Amino acid sequence: MLRKSPTQVHKVVYPHSPHEIDELELRIGDYIYLNSDAVDNSSDGWAEGISWLTGAQGHLPVNYTERTAESDAWTLHRVVQLSKSITPSLTSNEECDLVDGRSLSTETEDHLRHRDLNQVGIHASELIEGSSFNEDSEQSVEKYLRKTLKPCLDIPTITNNHSSNQQQATPLIEITPNSMSTPNASGDIKVEPIPAAPPKADDTLSQHSAENSMSLSSKNRRVYIMRHGERVDFTFGTWIPYCFDEFNNYMRKDLNMPKTLPKRSNIPDGWLNDSPLTNIGLYQASLIGEALYDARVQIDHVYCSPAYRCVQTCTSALEGLKLTGKHKIKLEPGLFEWMAWYPDGVPDWLTKEELQAAKYNIDTEYQPFVAINNLNESIKETTEGFYTRNYDVLRKIIDSTVGNVLIVAHATTLDTCTRQLIGEAPRNTNELRQVIHKIPYCSLANVEEIDGQWKLVEPDTLPVTHSKNPRFEWNALTAT
């Protein structure tokens, strides 16, 4: 059994949705108990683990986690924050613990790290199995809460339910002997309501509540850099042989595929490295545009990578912004991805004329800062050269325009365009690969010019998240 073997405690750093029955869901903020031998002997980077949050067991990619303290200890399973960022409307444990996937407890993200076994005498496996809470451990929790909550709120008294000074404690925290064994049961930790106060400017809930999530556009100049939406080839894999007949006519094979595709000179091979968006991808982009509109963001100039998926994303975002027809899209090859990924040269993009014929509002008079021929000469581009190319293009865009700029390009663009702009050095190859895994479809980065210095700031929109929906095979219902 996993619990009888030497164990490691890992913190979840990337979310993971199960694709198989035996896989374990990973949630940001959760901790996983892993078999040390299984981790060391794994040949594919997967191992079996137990979720601290749910108690569920399954296989998971170990590189989606990072190791924390040793597991021969106990953890406090639930802490309710007593700061003023908790509004009176949030009363349940579930509502108070997580907002937007982040813990609202008073400690840092490592507040769940394990305490020494000698202090409390409870093994992690016993906690998982729901062992009862003894008197010694209750005293340890009292000390723990005193130390933990003091920076957040001055607590005169923390006492158990046998204290004679309960009525004098303000606020009152009542800890029952079984509070750790049944974290979801009512009455584990009782907290008197804190008088409501106006939310602070940096309160998490005030920033992301329904009433305050959309702020007015900043008076300072801003550049909005957006990744394209969900693409067909990454969603469906090898799709071209199944979606084109012998006469090269496109046929949709799934409702998430586009109904039609623009006419282009190289069919169907032109779509091989120039994938369209899925319908979900178009909707993702529209949602971001609508959020920018609700935030009263003003866009004065629009630049886009020539990749068709980026042109589609840009168009849908402008529709959400209610700017359809008001801004011509300037196609800039210098915003394209790292050329080391394209040893055969730039993809066979749709021409400006083909895009116009497909009703895209393209600026046919725009002269790009980096020509396609120059990109083809950069096939052996280094990582630093890639960063410098994207940054130079952004710098030229900023210097040649006035007002806010919207740029729609690729996952790398959010970092390669902004990294040197804010005064940081280009990343190396491994660092770049780690960063792009954290930039999902339609991510938005904002840089703002503040007192002559460009800085990354919080985006004007909420993020957009959706789960993967597997393909439904109707004939599975006919199986006996």
Protein backbone atom coordinates (compact mmCIF):
# COMPACT_ATOMS: atom_id res chain seq x y z
CA MET A 1 0.00 0.00 0.00
CA LEU A 2 1.10 3.57 -0.66
CA ARG A 3 0.74 4.62 2.95
CA LYS A 4 3.05 1.87 4.27
CA SER A 5 5.92 2.78 1.96
CA PRO A 6 8.25 5.78 2.37
CA THR A 7 6.30 8.77 1.16
CA GLN A 8 7.00 12.22 -0.23
CA VAL A 9 4.73 15.24 -0.04
CA HIS A 10 4.45 17.19 -3.29
CA LYS A 11 2.71 20.52 -3.90
CA VAL A 12 0.63 20.81 -7.08
CA VAL A 13 2.08 23.53 -9.33
CA TYR A 14 0.13 22.80 -12.54
CA PRO A 15 -3.50 21.61 -12.83
CA HIS A 16 -4.23 18.28 -14.54
CA SER A 17 -7.57 16.95 -15.75
CA PRO A 18 -7.81 13.13 -15.84
CA HIS A 19 -8.01 11.55 -19.27
CA GLU A 20 -8.18 7.97 -17.97
CA ILE A 21 -10.15 6.35 -15.16
CA ASP A 22 -7.05 5.66 -13.05
CA GLU A 23 -5.64 9.21 -13.29
CA LEU A 24 -5.77 11.67 -10.40
CA GLU A 25 -7.07 15.20 -10.83
CA LEU A 26 -4.52 17.85 -9.80
CA ARG A 27 -5.72 21.16 -8.40
CA ILE A 28 -3.64 24.21 -7.59
CA GLY A 29 -3.35 24.43 -3.81
CA ASP A 30 -3.59 20.66 -3.26
CA TYR A 31 -0.81 18.45 -1.87
CA ILE A 32 -0.11 14.90 -3.02
CA TYR A 33 1.31 11.96 -1.05
CA LEU A 34 3.63 9.99 -3.37
CA ASN A 35 5.43 6.68 -2.92
CA SER A 36 9.15 7.46 -2.87
CA ASP A 37 10.10 4.18 -4.59
CA ALA A 38 7.47 4.75 -7.29
CA VAL A 39 8.80 8.24 -7.99
CA ASP A 40 12.43 7.07 -8.14
CA ASN A 41 11.67 4.05 -10.35
CA SER A 42 9.19 5.70 -12.71
CA SER A 43 10.29 5.43 -16.34
CA ASP A 44 7.68 7.76 -17.80
CA GLY A 45 7.45 10.45 -15.12
CA TRP A 46 4.11 9.18 -13.77
CA ALA A 47 3.48 7.80 -10.29
CA GLU A 48 0.57 6.87 -8.04
CA GLY A 49 -0.41 9.33 -5.34
CA ILE A 50 -3.10 10.37 -2.85
CA SER A 51 -4.71 13.81 -2.85
CA TRP A 52 -4.55 15.61 0.49
CA LEU A 53 -7.58 17.66 -0.49
CA THR A 54 -9.95 14.86 -1.52
CA GLY A 55 -8.31 11.62 -0.36
CA ALA A 56 -8.66 10.26 -3.90
CA GLN A 57 -5.92 8.00 -5.28
CA GLY A 58 -4.61 7.71 -8.83
CA HIS A 59 -1.74 8.20 -11.27
CA LEU A 60 -0.37 11.65 -12.04
CA PRO A 61 2.51 13.35 -13.90
CA VAL A 62 5.12 13.99 -11.22
CA ASN A 63 6.54 17.02 -13.06
CA TYR A 64 3.22 18.81 -12.43
CA THR A 65 4.20 18.89 -8.76
CA GLU A 66 7.18 19.91 -6.68
CA ARG A 67 8.42 18.29 -3.51
CA THR A 68 7.79 19.90 -0.13
CA ALA A 69 8.58 18.69 3.38
CA GLU A 70 8.78 15.02 4.43
CA SER A 71 5.47 13.28 4.96
CA ASP A 72 6.03 11.85 8.43
CA ALA A 73 4.06 14.71 9.96
CA TRP A 74 0.57 16.12 10.24
CA THR A 75 -1.08 19.00 8.47
CA LEU A 76 -3.80 21.41 9.45
CA HIS A 77 -6.54 20.46 7.03
CA ARG A 78 -8.48 23.73 6.97
CA VAL A 79 -7.85 27.30 8.13
CA VAL A 80 -10.43 30.06 7.77
CA GLN A 81 -8.98 33.48 7.06
CA LEU A 82 -9.99 36.21 9.51
CA SER A 83 -8.89 39.19 7.44
CA LYS A 84 -11.30 41.83 6.19
CA SER A 85 -11.12 40.46 2.65
CA ILE A 86 -13.71 37.85 3.65
CA THR A 87 -17.10 39.39 3.02
CA PRO A 88 -20.15 38.57 5.16
CA SER A 89 -21.74 36.82 2.18
CA LEU A 90 -19.13 34.08 2.29
CA THR A 91 -20.03 31.83 5.17
CA SER A 92 -19.27 28.24 4.21
CA ASN A 93 -15.88 26.58 4.44
CA GLU A 94 -15.84 25.94 0.72
CA GLU A 95 -16.55 29.57 -0.15
CA CYS A 96 -13.95 30.93 2.27
CA ASP A 97 -11.15 28.58 1.27
CA LEU A 98 -10.94 28.99 -2.48
CA VAL A 99 -11.49 31.91 -4.83
CA ASP A 100 -10.38 31.60 -8.46
CA GLY A 101 -8.48 28.44 -7.55
CA ARG A 102 -6.31 30.15 -4.92
CA SER A 103 -6.34 29.58 -1.21
CA LEU A 104 -7.54 32.45 0.96
CA SER A 105 -5.91 31.15 4.13
CA THR A 106 -3.73 33.55 6.04
CA GLU A 107 -0.42 31.84 5.37
CA THR A 108 1.58 31.82 2.18
CA GLU A 109 1.15 29.12 -0.47
CA ASP A 110 3.32 26.81 1.64
CA HIS A 111 1.02 27.09 4.70
CA LEU A 112 0.12 23.42 4.32
CA ARG A 113 3.70 22.19 4.75
CA HIS A 114 3.90 19.48 7.36
CA ARG A 115 4.86 19.87 11.01
CA ASP A 116 7.28 17.64 12.90
CA LEU A 117 5.90 14.29 14.06
CA ASN A 118 7.43 14.63 17.50
CA GLN A 119 5.34 17.71 18.23
CA VAL A 120 1.93 16.10 17.84
CA GLY A 121 2.39 12.34 17.51
CA ILE A 122 0.12 11.86 14.50
CA HIS A 123 1.30 10.21 11.28
CA ALA A 124 0.14 11.53 7.92
CA SER A 125 -1.43 8.20 7.02
CA GLU A 126 -3.50 8.29 10.20
CA LEU A 127 -4.74 11.74 9.29
CA ILE A 128 -5.77 10.52 5.85
CA GLU A 129 -7.67 7.64 7.40
CA GLY A 130 -9.47 10.05 9.73
CA SER A 131 -7.96 9.26 13.15
CA SER A 132 -9.35 11.16 16.10
CA PHE A 133 -7.84 14.31 17.54
CA ASN A 134 -6.21 13.97 20.96
CA GLU A 135 -5.68 16.53 23.70
CA ASP A 136 -1.98 17.10 22.94
CA SER A 137 -2.63 17.82 19.30
CA GLU A 138 -5.43 20.20 20.27
CA GLN A 139 -2.98 22.23 22.32
CA SER A 140 -0.57 22.26 19.38
CA VAL A 141 -3.28 23.61 17.09
CA GLU A 142 -4.01 26.35 19.62
CA LYS A 143 -0.34 27.37 19.49
CA TYR A 144 -0.35 27.05 15.72
CA LEU A 145 -3.38 29.32 15.32
CA ARG A 146 -1.92 31.89 17.71
CA LYS A 147 1.25 32.09 15.65
CA THR A 148 -0.44 31.87 12.24
CA LEU A 149 -3.28 34.32 12.63
CA LYS A 150 -1.45 36.97 14.66
CA PRO A 151 -0.09 38.91 11.64
CA CYS A 152 -3.57 39.03 10.15
CA LEU A 153 -5.67 39.87 13.18
CA ASP A 154 -4.95 40.56 16.84
CA ILE A 155 -6.64 37.69 18.67
CA PRO A 156 -6.91 38.19 22.44
CA THR A 157 -7.87 34.60 23.19
CA ILE A 158 -7.89 31.28 21.36
CA THR A 159 -9.49 28.62 23.48
CA ASN A 160 -11.22 25.25 23.31
CA ASN A 161 -14.80 24.59 24.29
CA HIS A 162 -13.88 23.97 27.97
CA SER A 163 -12.40 27.42 28.58
CA SER A 164 -14.07 29.66 31.12
CA ASN A 165 -13.07 32.81 29.24
CA GLN A 166 -14.98 32.13 26.05
CA GLN A 167 -17.30 35.08 26.39
CA GLN A 168 -14.37 37.48 26.83
CA ALA A 169 -12.55 36.36 23.69
CA THR A 170 -13.06 38.68 20.71
CA PRO A 171 -13.35 37.26 18.18
CA LEU A 172 -14.13 33.77 19.48
CA ILE A 173 -12.61 30.68 17.88
CA GLU A 174 -13.94 27.40 19.17
CA ILE A 175 -11.99 24.24 18.34
CA THR A 176 -13.63 20.91 19.00
CA PRO A 177 -11.59 17.76 19.73
CA ASN A 178 -12.50 16.22 16.36
CA SER A 179 -11.94 19.31 14.24
CA MET A 180 -9.05 17.79 12.35
CA SER A 181 -10.57 14.39 11.69
CA THR A 182 -13.70 15.73 9.99
CA PRO A 183 -12.66 18.93 8.24
CA ASN A 184 -15.92 19.31 6.33
CA ALA A 185 -18.25 18.79 9.26
CA SER A 186 -20.11 21.76 10.66
CA GLY A 187 -18.85 23.24 13.90
CA ASP A 188 -15.15 22.47 13.34
CA ILE A 189 -14.02 26.08 13.61
CA LYS A 190 -16.51 28.75 14.61
CA VAL A 191 -15.64 32.34 13.89
CA GLU A 192 -17.70 35.32 14.98
CA PRO A 193 -18.49 37.63 12.06
CA ILE A 194 -16.11 40.52 11.57
CA PRO A 195 -17.78 43.90 11.07
CA ALA A 196 -18.00 44.73 7.40
CA ALA A 197 -15.52 47.31 6.17
CA PRO A 198 -14.95 48.90 2.79
CA PRO A 199 -12.72 46.59 0.71
CA LYS A 200 -9.14 47.62 0.27
CA ALA A 201 -7.73 48.26 -3.17
CA ASP A 202 -5.59 45.11 -3.00
CA ASP A 203 -8.25 42.78 -1.61
CA THR A 204 -8.58 39.65 -3.74
CA LEU A 205 -12.35 39.52 -3.44
CA SER A 206 -12.79 43.21 -4.17
CA GLN A 207 -10.77 42.84 -7.35
CA HIS A 208 -12.59 39.80 -8.66
CA SER A 209 -16.13 40.24 -7.38
CA ALA A 210 -18.98 40.59 -9.82
CA GLU A 211 -19.33 44.29 -9.06
CA ASN A 212 -15.67 45.30 -9.10
CA SER A 213 -13.92 42.86 -11.44
CA MET A 214 -14.04 45.21 -14.42
CA SER A 215 -12.14 48.42 -13.83
CA LEU A 216 -11.87 51.56 -15.88
CA SER A 217 -9.11 51.62 -18.44
CA SER A 218 -5.89 53.14 -17.13
CA LYS A 219 -4.99 56.67 -18.10
CA ASN A 220 -1.44 55.53 -18.75
CA ARG A 221 -0.55 54.03 -22.08
CA ARG A 222 -0.99 50.27 -22.29
CA VAL A 223 -0.13 47.41 -24.64
CA TYR A 224 -2.41 44.35 -24.55
CA ILE A 225 -0.74 41.15 -25.77
CA MET A 226 -3.01 38.16 -26.36
CA ARG A 227 -2.46 34.55 -27.33
CA HIS A 228 -4.67 32.99 -30.02
CA GLY A 229 -7.55 30.67 -29.15
CA GLU A 230 -7.95 26.90 -29.32
CA ARG A 231 -6.62 25.51 -32.62
CA VAL A 232 -8.04 22.66 -34.69
CA ASP A 233 -4.83 20.65 -35.14
CA PHE A 234 -3.99 20.56 -31.41
CA THR A 235 -7.57 19.57 -30.60
CA PHE A 236 -8.20 16.92 -33.25
CA GLY A 237 -4.69 15.83 -34.20
CA THR A 238 -4.28 14.70 -37.81
CA TRP A 239 -7.42 16.28 -39.21
CA ILE A 240 -6.63 17.21 -42.82
CA PRO A 241 -6.87 13.70 -44.41
CA TYR A 242 -10.32 13.22 -42.88
CA CYS A 243 -11.77 16.66 -43.64
CA PHE A 244 -10.93 17.03 -47.36
CA ASP A 245 -12.30 14.84 -50.15
CA GLU A 246 -10.52 13.86 -53.36
CA PHE A 247 -11.48 17.21 -54.87
CA ASN A 248 -9.99 19.10 -51.90
CA ASN A 249 -13.39 20.18 -50.65
CA TYR A 250 -13.54 20.77 -46.90
CA MET A 251 -16.01 18.71 -44.84
CA ARG A 252 -16.63 19.37 -41.17
CA LYS A 253 -16.34 16.25 -39.02
CA ASP A 254 -17.14 17.72 -35.61
CA LEU A 255 -19.28 20.58 -34.33
CA ASN A 256 -16.17 22.18 -32.84
CA MET A 257 -14.63 22.44 -36.30
CA PRO A 258 -15.28 25.49 -38.51
CA LYS A 259 -18.23 25.25 -40.87
CA THR A 260 -16.20 26.60 -43.77
CA LEU A 261 -12.61 27.55 -44.51
CA PRO A 262 -11.31 30.43 -46.65
CA LYS A 263 -10.14 29.70 -50.15
CA ARG A 264 -6.37 29.55 -50.47
CA SER A 265 -3.95 28.67 -53.21
CA ASN A 266 -2.39 25.68 -51.48
CA ILE A 267 -5.20 23.30 -50.48
CA PRO A 268 -5.18 21.29 -48.30
CA ASP A 269 -1.45 21.32 -47.46
CA GLY A 270 -1.50 25.01 -46.67
CA TRP A 271 -3.46 24.24 -43.51
CA LEU A 272 -0.79 21.87 -42.23
CA ASN A 273 1.25 24.58 -40.44
CA ASP A 274 -1.42 27.28 -40.50
CA SER A 275 -4.25 25.75 -38.49
CA PRO A 276 -7.64 27.45 -38.09
CA LEU A 277 -9.36 27.92 -34.74
CA THR A 278 -12.04 25.66 -33.37
CA ASN A 279 -15.44 27.19 -32.67
CA ILE A 280 -14.52 27.11 -28.99
CA GLY A 281 -11.41 29.10 -29.87
CA LEU A 282 -13.49 31.76 -31.59
CA TYR A 283 -15.75 31.99 -28.55
CA GLN A 284 -12.76 32.25 -26.19
CA ALA A 285 -11.48 35.23 -28.14
CA SER A 286 -14.90 36.86 -28.17
CA LEU A 287 -15.15 36.48 -24.37
CA ILE A 288 -11.85 38.31 -23.90
CA GLY A 289 -13.02 41.08 -26.20
CA GLU A 290 -16.30 41.41 -24.29
CA ALA A 291 -14.41 41.59 -20.99
CA LEU A 292 -12.17 44.34 -22.36
CA TYR A 293 -15.26 46.20 -23.52
CA ASP A 294 -16.86 45.88 -20.08
CA ALA A 295 -13.63 47.23 -18.58
CA ARG A 296 -13.94 50.24 -20.92
CA VAL A 297 -10.58 49.52 -22.50
CA GLN A 298 -9.74 51.76 -25.42
CA ILE A 299 -7.82 50.26 -28.34
CA ASP A 300 -6.15 52.60 -30.83
CA HIS A 301 -3.99 50.23 -32.92
CA VAL A 302 -4.17 46.52 -33.75
CA TYR A 303 -1.24 44.31 -34.76
CA CYS A 304 -1.34 40.59 -35.44
CA SER A 305 0.84 37.64 -36.37
CA PRO A 306 0.13 36.50 -39.98
CA ALA A 307 -0.87 33.01 -38.74
CA TYR A 308 -4.53 32.40 -39.60
CA ARG A 309 -5.40 31.34 -36.04
CA CYS A 310 -4.14 34.74 -34.83
CA VAL A 311 -6.12 36.64 -37.47
CA GLN A 312 -9.27 34.78 -36.41
CA THR A 313 -8.58 35.45 -32.74
CA CYS A 314 -7.95 39.13 -33.38
CA THR A 315 -11.17 39.48 -35.39
CA SER A 316 -13.29 37.77 -32.72
CA ALA A 317 -11.70 39.85 -29.95
CA LEU A 318 -12.52 43.04 -31.87
CA GLU A 319 -16.10 41.83 -32.28
CA GLY A 320 -16.31 41.40 -28.50
CA LEU A 321 -14.88 44.91 -28.12
CA LYS A 322 -17.57 46.19 -30.51
CA LEU A 323 -14.83 47.49 -32.79
CA THR A 324 -15.70 45.49 -35.91
CA GLY A 325 -14.73 47.53 -38.95
CA LYS A 326 -13.17 50.32 -36.88
CA HIS A 327 -9.56 49.08 -36.86
CA LYS A 328 -7.68 47.49 -39.72
CA ILE A 329 -5.49 44.58 -38.67
CA LYS A 330 -1.78 45.12 -39.37
CA LEU A 331 -0.11 41.80 -40.15
CA GLU A 332 3.42 41.76 -38.67
CA PRO A 333 5.61 38.72 -39.49
CA GLY A 334 8.08 39.87 -36.82
CA LEU A 335 5.55 38.73 -34.18
CA PHE A 336 5.66 35.11 -35.38
CA GLU A 337 6.95 32.20 -33.30
CA TRP A 338 10.53 31.02 -32.82
CA MET A 339 11.92 30.13 -36.23
CA ALA A 340 13.92 27.23 -34.76
CA TRP A 341 10.57 25.40 -34.66
CA TYR A 342 10.16 25.88 -38.43
CA PRO A 343 13.24 24.41 -40.17
CA ASP A 344 11.43 24.55 -43.54
CA GLY A 345 10.80 28.27 -43.26
CA VAL A 346 7.67 30.27 -42.52
CA PRO A 347 4.33 28.51 -43.11
CA ASP A 348 2.33 29.11 -46.26
CA TRP A 349 0.11 31.83 -44.76
CA LEU A 350 -2.98 33.17 -46.44
CA THR A 351 -2.21 36.28 -48.44
CA LYS A 352 -3.74 39.66 -47.62
CA GLU A 353 -5.95 39.31 -50.68
CA GLU A 354 -7.18 35.87 -49.60
CA LEU A 355 -7.95 37.18 -46.12
CA GLN A 356 -9.80 40.17 -47.55
CA ALA A 357 -11.84 37.83 -49.76
CA ALA A 358 -12.78 35.97 -46.57
CA LYS A 359 -14.09 39.27 -45.10
CA TYR A 360 -11.19 39.96 -42.73
CA ASN A 361 -10.41 43.64 -42.20
CA ILE A 362 -6.72 43.63 -43.17
CA ASP A 363 -4.58 46.75 -43.59
CA THR A 364 -3.24 46.13 -47.10
CA GLU A 365 -1.07 49.27 -47.00
CA TYR A 366 0.84 48.36 -43.85
CA GLN A 367 4.58 47.80 -44.33
CA PRO A 368 5.81 45.31 -41.69
CA PHE A 369 8.93 45.93 -39.61
CA VAL A 370 10.20 42.41 -40.37
CA ALA A 371 9.67 41.01 -43.87
CA ILE A 372 8.88 37.35 -44.52
CA ASN A 373 12.19 36.96 -46.36
CA ASN A 374 14.04 38.10 -43.24
CA LEU A 375 12.27 35.46 -41.20
CA ASN A 376 13.26 32.75 -43.66
CA GLU A 377 16.87 33.82 -43.22
CA SER A 378 16.54 33.29 -39.45
CA ILE A 379 15.80 29.56 -39.45
CA LYS A 380 18.70 28.95 -37.02
CA GLU A 381 17.53 31.75 -34.74
CA THR A 382 18.79 31.46 -31.15
CA THR A 383 16.50 31.85 -28.17
CA GLU A 384 18.06 35.22 -27.38
CA GLY A 385 17.67 36.23 -31.01
CA PHE A 386 13.99 35.28 -30.87
CA TYR A 387 13.45 37.42 -27.76
CA THR A 388 15.29 40.32 -29.35
CA ARG A 389 13.27 40.09 -32.60
CA ASN A 390 9.92 40.17 -30.82
CA TYR A 391 11.05 42.93 -28.46
CA ASP A 392 12.45 45.06 -31.29
CA VAL A 393 9.14 44.80 -33.14
CA LEU A 394 7.18 45.82 -30.06
CA ARG A 395 9.56 48.71 -29.42
CA LYS A 396 9.05 49.95 -32.98
CA ILE A 397 5.28 49.61 -32.65
CA ILE A 398 5.34 51.67 -29.45
CA ASP A 399 7.61 54.33 -30.92
CA SER A 400 5.54 54.71 -34.10
CA THR A 401 2.09 54.91 -32.48
CA VAL A 402 0.19 56.90 -29.90
CA GLY A 403 -2.39 55.35 -27.58
CA ASN A 404 -3.18 51.77 -26.56
CA VAL A 405 -2.13 48.83 -28.71
CA LEU A 406 -3.65 45.36 -29.06
CA ILE A 407 -1.29 42.61 -30.25
CA VAL A 408 -2.56 39.10 -31.01
CA ALA A 409 0.07 36.43 -31.57
CA HIS A 410 1.35 33.31 -29.83
CA ALA A 411 1.98 31.88 -26.34
CA THR A 412 5.63 32.89 -26.49
CA THR A 413 4.75 36.46 -27.48
CA LEU A 414 3.40 37.33 -24.03
CA ASP A 415 6.91 36.82 -22.63
CA THR A 416 9.24 37.54 -25.56
CA CYS A 417 7.70 40.94 -26.26
CA THR A 418 7.55 42.07 -22.64
CA ARG A 419 10.63 40.53 -21.04
CA GLN A 420 13.17 43.11 -22.18
CA LEU A 421 10.60 45.92 -22.20
CA ILE A 422 10.35 45.70 -18.40
CA GLY A 423 14.12 45.52 -18.01
CA GLU A 424 14.69 41.76 -17.69
CA ALA A 425 17.16 39.64 -19.65
CA PRO A 426 15.94 37.11 -22.25
CA ARG A 427 15.30 33.61 -20.93
CA ASN A 428 17.23 30.55 -22.04
CA THR A 429 15.56 27.72 -23.96
CA ASN A 430 14.56 25.64 -20.93
CA GLU A 431 13.14 28.65 -19.12
CA LEU A 432 11.12 29.61 -22.21
CA ARG A 433 9.63 26.13 -22.47
CA GLN A 434 8.59 26.22 -18.83
CA VAL A 435 6.92 29.61 -19.26
CA ILE A 436 4.85 28.75 -22.33
CA HIS A 437 3.21 25.83 -20.50
CA LYS A 438 1.72 28.42 -18.15
CA ILE A 439 0.14 30.46 -20.97
CA PRO A 440 -3.13 28.81 -22.10
CA TYR A 441 -5.30 29.83 -25.04
CA CYS A 442 -6.41 33.48 -25.13
CA SER A 443 -4.20 34.49 -22.22
CA LEU A 444 -3.80 38.25 -21.95
CA ALA A 445 -0.78 40.19 -20.71
CA ASN A 446 -0.84 43.92 -19.99
CA VAL A 447 2.16 46.23 -19.93
CA GLU A 448 1.67 49.81 -18.80
CA GLU A 449 3.94 52.83 -19.07
CA ILE A 450 4.23 54.28 -15.57
CA ASP A 451 6.42 57.37 -15.12
CA GLY A 452 8.37 56.49 -18.24
CA GLN A 453 8.92 52.86 -17.23
CA TRP A 454 7.05 49.90 -18.70
CA LYS A 455 5.71 47.40 -16.16
CA LEU A 456 3.61 44.25 -16.28
CA VAL A 457 0.29 44.95 -14.57
CA GLU A 458 -2.79 42.94 -13.71
CA PRO A 459 -4.94 42.34 -16.80
CA ASP A 460 -8.24 44.17 -17.14
CA THR A 461 -10.06 40.87 -17.66
CA LEU A 462 -10.64 37.69 -15.74
CA PRO A 463 -9.03 34.53 -17.17
CA VAL A 464 -11.06 32.11 -19.28
CA THR A 465 -10.94 28.43 -18.32
CA HIS A 466 -12.73 25.39 -19.72
CA SER A 467 -12.34 21.66 -19.33
CA LYS A 468 -11.53 19.23 -22.11
CA ASN A 469 -14.63 17.59 -23.54
CA PRO A 470 -13.89 14.09 -24.93
CA ARG A 471 -15.49 12.92 -28.16
CA PHE A 472 -18.84 11.15 -27.73
CA GLU A 473 -19.27 7.91 -29.68
CA TRP A 474 -23.01 7.31 -29.93
CA ASN A 475 -22.65 3.63 -30.84
CA ALA A 476 -21.17 2.98 -27.40
CA LEU A 477 -24.78 2.92 -26.26
CA THR A 478 -25.45 -0.12 -28.47
CA ALA A 479 -22.87 -2.25 -26.69
CA THR A 480 -24.28 -5.23 -24.81
